[in-house]
Protein backbone atom coordinates (compact mmCIF):
# COMPACT_ATOMS: atom_id res chain seq x y z
CA MET A 1 108.09 -237.62 -105.98
CA ALA A 2 108.57 -240.68 -108.20
CA PRO A 3 111.60 -243.01 -107.77
CA ALA A 4 114.58 -242.51 -110.06
CA PHE A 5 113.97 -245.90 -111.77
CA ALA A 6 110.24 -245.40 -112.55
CA GLY A 7 109.42 -246.64 -116.05
CA ARG A 8 112.70 -248.47 -116.56
CA SER A 9 113.45 -252.13 -116.23
CA LEU A 10 115.63 -252.92 -113.33
CA GLY A 11 117.26 -255.89 -115.12
CA ARG A 12 118.87 -253.76 -117.89
CA SER A 13 121.25 -250.99 -117.89
CA VAL A 14 120.24 -247.69 -119.70
CA GLY A 15 122.60 -248.12 -122.65
CA ASN A 16 122.03 -251.71 -123.28
CA MET A 17 119.37 -252.34 -125.80
CA GLU A 18 119.97 -256.16 -126.20
CA PRO A 19 117.29 -258.50 -124.74
CA GLU A 20 118.10 -260.08 -121.43
CA ALA A 21 119.64 -263.54 -121.49
CA ASP A 22 117.30 -266.36 -120.53
CA ASN A 23 119.01 -267.67 -117.40
CA LYS A 24 116.17 -270.07 -116.28
CA PRO A 25 117.40 -273.64 -115.39
CA LYS A 26 116.34 -276.41 -117.61
CA ARG A 27 113.45 -278.52 -116.54
CA GLY A 28 115.58 -281.71 -116.50
CA SER A 29 118.16 -280.24 -114.10
CA LYS A 30 115.25 -279.21 -111.67
CA LEU A 31 114.01 -282.80 -111.79
CA ILE A 32 117.41 -284.31 -111.14
CA GLY A 33 117.85 -281.95 -108.16
CA TRP A 34 114.45 -282.93 -106.61
CA PHE A 35 115.17 -286.63 -107.21
CA LEU A 36 118.59 -286.32 -105.37
CA PHE A 37 116.91 -284.29 -102.59
CA LEU A 38 114.22 -287.00 -102.13
CA ALA A 39 116.68 -289.76 -102.36
CA CYS A 40 118.78 -288.25 -99.67
CA LEU A 41 115.75 -287.64 -97.53
CA LEU A 42 114.60 -291.19 -97.92
CA LEU A 43 118.08 -292.44 -96.95
CA LEU A 44 118.35 -290.22 -93.86
CA SER A 45 114.82 -291.15 -92.79
CA LEU A 46 115.79 -294.76 -92.85
CA GLY A 47 118.11 -293.98 -89.95
CA ALA A 48 115.03 -293.65 -87.66
CA SER A 49 113.60 -296.98 -88.74
CA SER A 50 114.49 -300.58 -88.20
CA TYR A 51 116.72 -300.27 -91.35
CA HIS A 52 119.21 -297.96 -89.68
CA LYS A 53 122.12 -300.33 -90.32
CA LEU A 54 121.35 -300.43 -93.96
CA ALA A 55 121.11 -296.55 -94.01
CA ASP A 56 124.53 -296.30 -92.24
CA THR A 57 126.11 -298.72 -94.56
CA ALA A 58 124.82 -296.86 -97.60
CA LEU A 59 125.90 -293.46 -96.24
CA ILE A 60 129.39 -294.73 -95.36
CA ALA A 61 129.69 -296.23 -98.91
CA ILE A 62 128.66 -292.98 -100.51
CA ARG A 63 131.12 -290.98 -98.34
CA LEU A 64 133.99 -293.37 -99.14
CA SER A 65 133.24 -293.38 -102.79
CA LEU A 66 133.31 -289.57 -102.94
CA ILE A 67 136.62 -289.48 -101.09
CA LEU A 68 137.98 -292.13 -103.42
CA ALA A 69 136.87 -290.24 -106.56
CA LEU A 70 138.29 -286.92 -105.44
CA SER A 71 141.54 -288.50 -104.42
CA VAL A 72 141.92 -290.16 -107.77
CA LEU A 73 141.28 -286.98 -109.54
CA VAL A 74 143.95 -285.06 -107.44
CA ILE A 75 146.55 -287.79 -107.76
CA ARG A 76 146.05 -287.95 -111.48
CA GLU A 77 146.46 -284.20 -111.76
CA ARG A 78 149.63 -284.29 -109.64
CA TRP A 79 151.00 -287.15 -111.69
CA GLN A 80 150.44 -285.26 -114.97
CA HIS A 81 152.39 -282.21 -113.64
CA ARG A 82 155.03 -284.10 -111.60
CA GLY A 83 157.81 -282.56 -113.74
CA ASP A 84 156.66 -278.95 -113.22
CA MET A 85 158.97 -276.74 -111.28
CA PRO A 86 157.09 -275.60 -108.00
CA GLY A 87 156.66 -271.78 -108.18
CA GLY A 88 158.02 -271.64 -111.84
CA ARG A 89 155.40 -268.97 -112.96
CA GLY A 90 155.59 -266.92 -109.82
CA ARG A 91 153.39 -269.13 -107.73
CA PRO A 92 153.29 -272.75 -106.67
CA TYR A 93 151.24 -275.15 -108.86
CA ASP A 94 147.94 -276.00 -107.31
CA SER A 95 146.44 -279.29 -108.80
CA GLY A 96 143.17 -278.66 -107.10
CA GLU A 97 142.69 -275.56 -109.21
CA SER A 98 142.66 -277.25 -112.52
CA VAL A 99 140.43 -280.03 -111.15
CA LEU A 100 137.95 -277.47 -110.07
CA LYS A 101 138.15 -275.64 -113.40
CA ARG A 102 137.48 -278.93 -115.28
CA PHE A 103 134.53 -279.72 -112.90
CA ARG A 104 133.21 -276.10 -113.54
CA ARG A 105 133.37 -276.62 -117.41
CA TRP A 106 131.68 -280.05 -117.04
CA TYR A 107 128.92 -278.64 -114.84
CA TYR A 108 128.22 -275.56 -117.03
CA ASP A 109 128.74 -277.42 -120.40
CA GLU A 110 131.48 -275.01 -121.45
């Protein structure tokens, strides 16, 4: 007995006749990802060499810069909405939510 989906594409529903969207990542984004991966691997491998103090300093600097950048974004968001009444629309304002929405729009080019 043949399976129920024999002869049909698994990617489409039965009533949908539109072609499937091309969801393949761009070549440039793959290259950037590999570059970041290899850079992190190189930096972490320096920890096992005679350059371990340099690697530690670089990792600490990267960590502190990320903390600083996220802190600035959250403080700026809270400053922009400092006059909002907490819970005015039925729930308290979460400044992290709009920062994440903005980051998502930037990442997906929306």
